Amino acid sequence: MDDREAHHTFQDWLDRVVVHVVDDDYAAWRRTMFCPLVVDSATGPSAMATEDQLRAKFDEWRRLIATHNLTDLVRTAHDVRAVARDRIEGAYTFDILSHGAPVMPRFISGATLKFREGHWRATHLHSGLAERYRHLIHTTAADGDPVAQPISTPEGNIR
């Protein structure tokens, strides 16, 4: 696989992940994620090592969409390379919008995909989400303490 084909595969994976979350299709979304899934973020490394943890992450995204009346989750691939025949690494910009208005500033994240069990699956994610916006996506703090849910306007935008 050359880098051009890797870029196309990576962008397709990014698009499918969003479609599966928006369509509330956990089974299809699950085929895009490897277990365990390692995640690096502003709070440090973590892993989703069980099916329950993966399901909880999917449900968090579903709550985010509903709570903030999200209309667009735009992920655009860049700096993608084929590391091996069955491994792709890349970065992507992420725009989270409600009726065209950003819910948070654009950020850059990254993923490592491996071809496993007939599907391209994320094995490692690097979240570029800034710590100060973490509460918009995550319902618990890094130490497990609850974080207050953000308040939404009737239009879904955060006050």
Protein backbone atom coordinates (compact mmCIF):
# COMPACT_ATOMS: atom_id res chain seq x y z
CA MET A 1 0.00 0.00 0.00
CA ASP A 2 1.36 3.41 -0.90
CA ASP A 3 0.72 6.60 1.09
CA ARG A 4 -1.97 7.79 -1.33
CA GLU A 5 -3.99 4.61 -0.83
CA ALA A 6 -3.32 4.83 2.92
CA HIS A 7 -4.71 8.39 2.95
CA HIS A 8 -7.89 7.25 1.18
CA THR A 9 -8.30 4.29 3.57
CA PHE A 10 -7.69 6.49 6.62
CA GLN A 11 -10.21 9.14 5.49
CA ASP A 12 -12.76 6.42 4.75
CA TRP A 13 -12.23 5.05 8.27
CA LEU A 14 -12.67 8.54 9.79
CA ASP A 15 -15.92 9.03 7.85
CA ARG A 16 -17.33 5.61 8.74
CA VAL A 17 -16.64 6.10 12.45
CA VAL A 18 -18.69 9.32 12.43
CA VAL A 19 -21.52 7.81 10.37
CA HIS A 20 -21.81 4.84 12.74
CA VAL A 21 -22.00 7.11 15.80
CA VAL A 22 -24.54 9.45 14.19
CA ASP A 23 -26.62 6.46 13.02
CA ASP A 24 -26.43 4.94 16.52
CA ASP A 25 -24.96 1.74 15.05
CA TYR A 26 -22.75 0.36 17.79
CA ALA A 27 -22.08 -2.94 16.03
CA ALA A 28 -20.69 -1.19 12.95
CA TRP A 29 -18.74 1.32 15.08
CA ARG A 30 -17.27 -1.54 17.11
CA ARG A 31 -15.79 -3.05 13.93
CA THR A 32 -13.72 0.16 13.57
CA MET A 33 -12.12 -0.20 17.02
CA PHE A 34 -9.68 -2.76 18.36
CA CYS A 35 -9.88 -3.97 21.92
CA PRO A 36 -7.82 -2.99 23.79
CA LEU A 37 -7.77 0.55 22.39
CA VAL A 38 -4.94 2.72 23.75
CA VAL A 39 -5.71 6.45 24.05
CA ASP A 40 -3.26 9.24 24.75
CA SER A 41 -4.81 12.54 25.84
CA ALA A 42 -4.08 15.68 27.80
CA THR A 43 -4.78 13.71 30.98
CA GLY A 44 -2.29 10.97 30.08
CA PRO A 45 -2.47 7.48 28.59
CA SER A 46 -5.41 5.16 29.13
CA ALA A 47 -6.87 2.05 27.57
CA MET A 48 -10.32 0.80 26.80
CA ALA A 49 -9.66 -2.86 27.50
CA THR A 50 -13.19 -4.24 27.77
CA GLU A 51 -16.31 -4.31 25.65
CA ASP A 52 -18.10 -2.34 28.38
CA GLN A 53 -15.50 0.44 28.18
CA LEU A 54 -15.81 0.63 24.39
CA ARG A 55 -19.60 0.74 24.68
CA ALA A 56 -19.34 3.51 27.29
CA LYS A 57 -17.16 5.58 24.90
CA PHE A 58 -19.68 5.11 22.09
CA ASP A 59 -22.51 6.15 24.44
CA GLU A 60 -20.54 9.27 25.46
CA TRP A 61 -20.39 10.34 21.82
CA ARG A 62 -24.13 9.72 21.45
CA ARG A 63 -24.80 11.91 24.53
CA LEU A 64 -22.53 14.63 23.17
CA ILE A 65 -24.50 14.72 19.92
CA ALA A 66 -27.81 14.99 21.76
CA THR A 67 -26.70 17.39 24.50
CA HIS A 68 -25.11 19.90 22.16
CA ASN A 69 -27.42 19.39 19.20
CA LEU A 70 -24.44 18.57 17.02
CA THR A 71 -25.04 18.64 13.31
CA ASP A 72 -21.54 18.04 11.95
CA LEU A 73 -18.53 16.06 13.11
CA VAL A 74 -15.93 16.85 10.44
CA ARG A 75 -12.68 14.88 10.51
CA THR A 76 -10.17 15.58 7.77
CA ALA A 77 -7.14 13.36 7.29
CA HIS A 78 -3.62 14.66 6.76
CA ASP A 79 -0.06 13.43 7.24
CA VAL A 80 -1.12 9.84 6.60
CA ARG A 81 1.42 7.15 5.84
CA ALA A 82 1.42 3.44 5.26
CA VAL A 83 3.76 2.01 7.88
CA ALA A 84 3.23 -1.57 6.76
CA ARG A 85 0.84 -3.50 4.57
CA ASP A 86 -1.55 -3.81 7.51
CA ARG A 87 -0.77 -0.60 9.44
CA ILE A 88 -1.57 3.07 8.78
CA GLU A 89 -0.71 6.09 10.89
CA GLY A 90 -2.21 9.50 10.37
CA ALA A 91 -3.40 12.76 11.82
CA TYR A 92 -6.69 14.54 11.32
CA THR A 93 -8.31 17.85 12.11
CA PHE A 94 -11.58 17.63 14.02
CA ASP A 95 -14.34 20.23 13.82
CA ILE A 96 -17.38 19.73 16.07
CA LEU A 97 -20.28 21.94 14.98
CA SER A 98 -23.86 22.74 15.91
CA HIS A 99 -25.70 24.32 12.97
CA GLY A 100 -22.42 25.61 11.56
CA ALA A 101 -21.16 27.09 14.83
CA PRO A 102 -18.12 25.50 16.48
CA VAL A 103 -18.86 23.90 19.84
CA MET A 104 -15.14 24.01 20.60
CA PRO A 105 -12.06 25.08 18.66
CA ARG A 106 -10.75 22.80 15.93
CA PHE A 107 -8.17 20.36 17.21
CA ILE A 108 -5.78 17.83 15.71
CA SER A 109 -5.77 14.19 16.72
CA GLY A 110 -4.11 11.06 15.41
CA ALA A 111 -4.76 7.36 14.99
CA THR A 112 -2.98 4.14 14.26
CA LEU A 113 -5.07 1.69 12.26
CA LYS A 114 -4.32 -1.98 11.82
CA PHE A 115 -6.09 -4.40 9.52
CA ARG A 116 -7.56 -7.00 11.88
CA GLU A 117 -10.35 -9.53 11.41
CA GLY A 118 -11.18 -8.15 7.96
CA HIS A 119 -11.51 -4.50 9.04
CA TRP A 120 -9.33 -1.43 9.54
CA ARG A 121 -9.46 -0.85 13.29
CA ALA A 122 -7.99 1.82 15.54
CA THR A 123 -5.45 0.34 17.92
CA HIS A 124 -4.10 3.64 19.24
CA LEU A 125 -5.66 7.11 19.36
CA HIS A 126 -4.03 10.39 20.26
CA SER A 127 -6.59 12.98 21.30
CA GLY A 128 -5.65 16.58 20.62
CA LEU A 129 -8.60 17.83 22.64
CA ALA A 130 -7.40 20.53 25.01
CA GLU A 131 -7.90 19.84 28.71
CA ARG A 132 -10.16 22.89 29.11
CA TYR A 133 -12.72 21.37 26.69
CA ARG A 134 -12.58 17.85 28.11
CA HIS A 135 -15.85 18.27 30.01
CA LEU A 136 -17.73 18.70 26.73
CA ILE A 137 -16.97 15.14 25.67
CA HIS A 138 -16.11 13.25 28.83
CA THR A 139 -18.49 12.70 31.70
CA THR A 140 -15.81 11.80 34.23
CA ALA A 141 -12.56 13.45 35.18
CA ALA A 142 -9.27 11.63 34.74
CA ASP A 143 -9.38 10.47 38.35
CA GLY A 144 -12.93 9.14 37.97
CA ASP A 145 -14.68 11.99 39.79
CA PRO A 146 -17.87 13.18 38.11
CA VAL A 147 -17.68 16.36 36.08
CA ALA A 148 -20.70 18.63 35.88
CA GLN A 149 -22.57 18.34 32.60
CA PRO A 150 -22.38 21.49 30.48
CA ILE A 151 -25.48 23.64 30.20
CA SER A 152 -27.01 23.91 26.75
CA THR A 153 -29.19 26.59 25.23
CA PRO A 154 -32.40 25.49 23.46
CA GLU A 155 -30.41 25.59 20.21
CA GLY A 156 -27.84 23.22 21.70
CA ASN A 157 -24.94 25.64 21.94
CA ILE A 158 -22.99 25.86 25.15
CA ARG A 159 -23.36 28.96 27.31
